[in-house]
Amino acid sequence: MNVPKLRHPTVFLPLVMSLLALGMVLVHFTIFGIVEETDEGTAAHIFQLLMVGQVPIVAFLAFRWLTIAPRQTFFFIVFQVVAALAAIMAVFFLTS
């Protein structure tokens, strides 16, 4: 049976992007701490691009695999949403 696996780019790319965004937030916080900046800076723009860039990939994953293997696809989509929320919550808690 043809099912999505973790090695498929539509599965692992959003996960890597979310984990990269989370790591970038944590490294930025570790190096600079919480500082009030007048401009968002490069790290914030890269974070935004990584988070928004996941949307079309996850949409393609859902479009391509949801009818073929709904259980596995749903698991990967939930896993990707949790990874994205972890990165977003890190920003929320570290900046407030």
Protein backbone atom coordinates (compact mmCIF):
# COMPACT_ATOMS: atom_id res chain seq x y z
CA MET A 1 0.00 0.00 0.00
CA ASN A 2 1.24 3.45 -0.86
CA VAL A 3 1.31 5.56 2.32
CA PRO A 4 3.23 8.71 3.24
CA LYS A 5 6.38 8.08 5.19
CA LEU A 6 8.64 10.41 7.13
CA ARG A 7 11.17 10.38 4.29
CA HIS A 8 8.75 12.11 1.89
CA PRO A 9 9.58 15.82 1.49
CA THR A 10 5.99 16.87 2.08
CA VAL A 11 6.19 15.24 5.50
CA PHE A 12 9.65 16.12 6.75
CA LEU A 13 10.11 19.63 5.28
CA PRO A 14 7.44 21.32 7.45
CA LEU A 15 8.77 19.49 10.50
CA VAL A 16 12.30 20.65 9.77
CA MET A 17 11.05 24.19 9.16
CA SER A 18 9.18 24.25 12.50
CA LEU A 19 12.12 22.82 14.41
CA LEU A 20 14.48 25.25 12.72
CA ALA A 21 12.20 28.15 13.69
CA LEU A 22 12.04 26.88 17.28
CA GLY A 23 15.80 26.47 17.44
CA MET A 24 16.32 29.92 15.98
CA VAL A 25 14.05 31.46 18.63
CA LEU A 26 15.84 29.65 21.44
CA VAL A 27 19.31 30.54 20.13
CA HIS A 28 18.31 34.18 19.66
CA PHE A 29 16.92 34.28 23.19
CA THR A 30 20.05 32.62 24.59
CA ILE A 31 22.43 35.02 22.86
CA PHE A 32 20.55 38.31 23.14
CA GLY A 33 17.99 37.74 25.88
CA ILE A 34 14.72 39.64 25.89
CA VAL A 35 15.33 43.04 24.38
CA GLU A 36 12.88 45.62 23.14
CA GLU A 37 13.77 46.40 19.54
CA THR A 38 12.32 49.13 17.35
CA ASP A 39 12.59 46.89 14.28
CA GLU A 40 11.77 43.21 14.18
CA GLY A 41 15.16 42.21 12.81
CA THR A 42 16.37 39.48 10.52
CA ALA A 43 15.61 36.61 12.92
CA ALA A 44 11.95 37.60 13.14
CA HIS A 45 11.61 37.84 9.37
CA ILE A 46 13.23 34.44 8.86
CA PHE A 47 10.93 32.99 11.52
CA GLN A 48 7.90 34.42 9.72
CA LEU A 49 9.06 33.04 6.37
CA LEU A 50 9.65 29.59 7.86
CA MET A 51 6.22 29.50 9.46
CA VAL A 52 4.32 30.77 6.42
CA GLY A 53 6.35 28.59 4.06
CA GLN A 54 4.98 25.47 5.72
CA VAL A 55 1.38 26.19 4.76
CA PRO A 56 1.57 25.27 1.05
CA ILE A 57 3.62 22.17 1.81
CA VAL A 58 1.14 20.90 4.40
CA ALA A 59 -1.75 21.76 2.07
CA PHE A 60 -0.13 19.70 -0.69
CA LEU A 61 0.41 16.84 1.78
CA ALA A 62 -3.28 16.91 2.70
CA PHE A 63 -4.36 17.18 -0.93
CA ARG A 64 -2.09 14.37 -2.11
CA TRP A 65 -2.34 11.82 0.68
CA LEU A 66 -5.55 12.38 2.65
CA THR A 67 -7.72 10.26 0.34
CA ILE A 68 -5.11 7.50 -0.01
CA ALA A 69 -4.02 7.08 3.62
CA PRO A 70 -6.12 9.27 5.92
CA ARG A 71 -4.88 7.92 9.26
CA GLN A 72 -1.16 8.34 8.54
CA THR A 73 -1.72 11.69 6.86
CA PHE A 74 -3.77 12.99 9.77
CA PHE A 75 -1.02 11.86 12.18
CA PHE A 76 1.64 13.75 10.20
CA ILE A 77 -0.50 16.88 9.95
CA VAL A 78 -1.16 16.86 13.70
CA PHE A 79 2.55 16.32 14.34
CA GLN A 80 3.39 19.30 12.12
CA VAL A 81 0.79 21.50 13.81
CA VAL A 82 2.22 20.62 17.23
CA ALA A 83 5.75 21.46 16.04
CA ALA A 84 4.56 24.79 14.62
CA LEU A 85 2.67 25.62 17.81
CA ALA A 86 5.79 24.85 19.85
CA ALA A 87 7.74 27.44 17.87
CA ILE A 88 4.93 30.00 18.13
CA MET A 89 4.49 29.43 21.86
CA ALA A 90 8.22 29.85 22.41
CA VAL A 91 8.01 33.29 20.84
CA PHE A 92 4.90 34.11 22.85
CA PHE A 93 6.34 33.08 26.22
CA LEU A 94 9.85 34.43 25.68
CA THR A 95 8.72 37.86 24.54
CA SER A 96 5.97 38.51 27.08
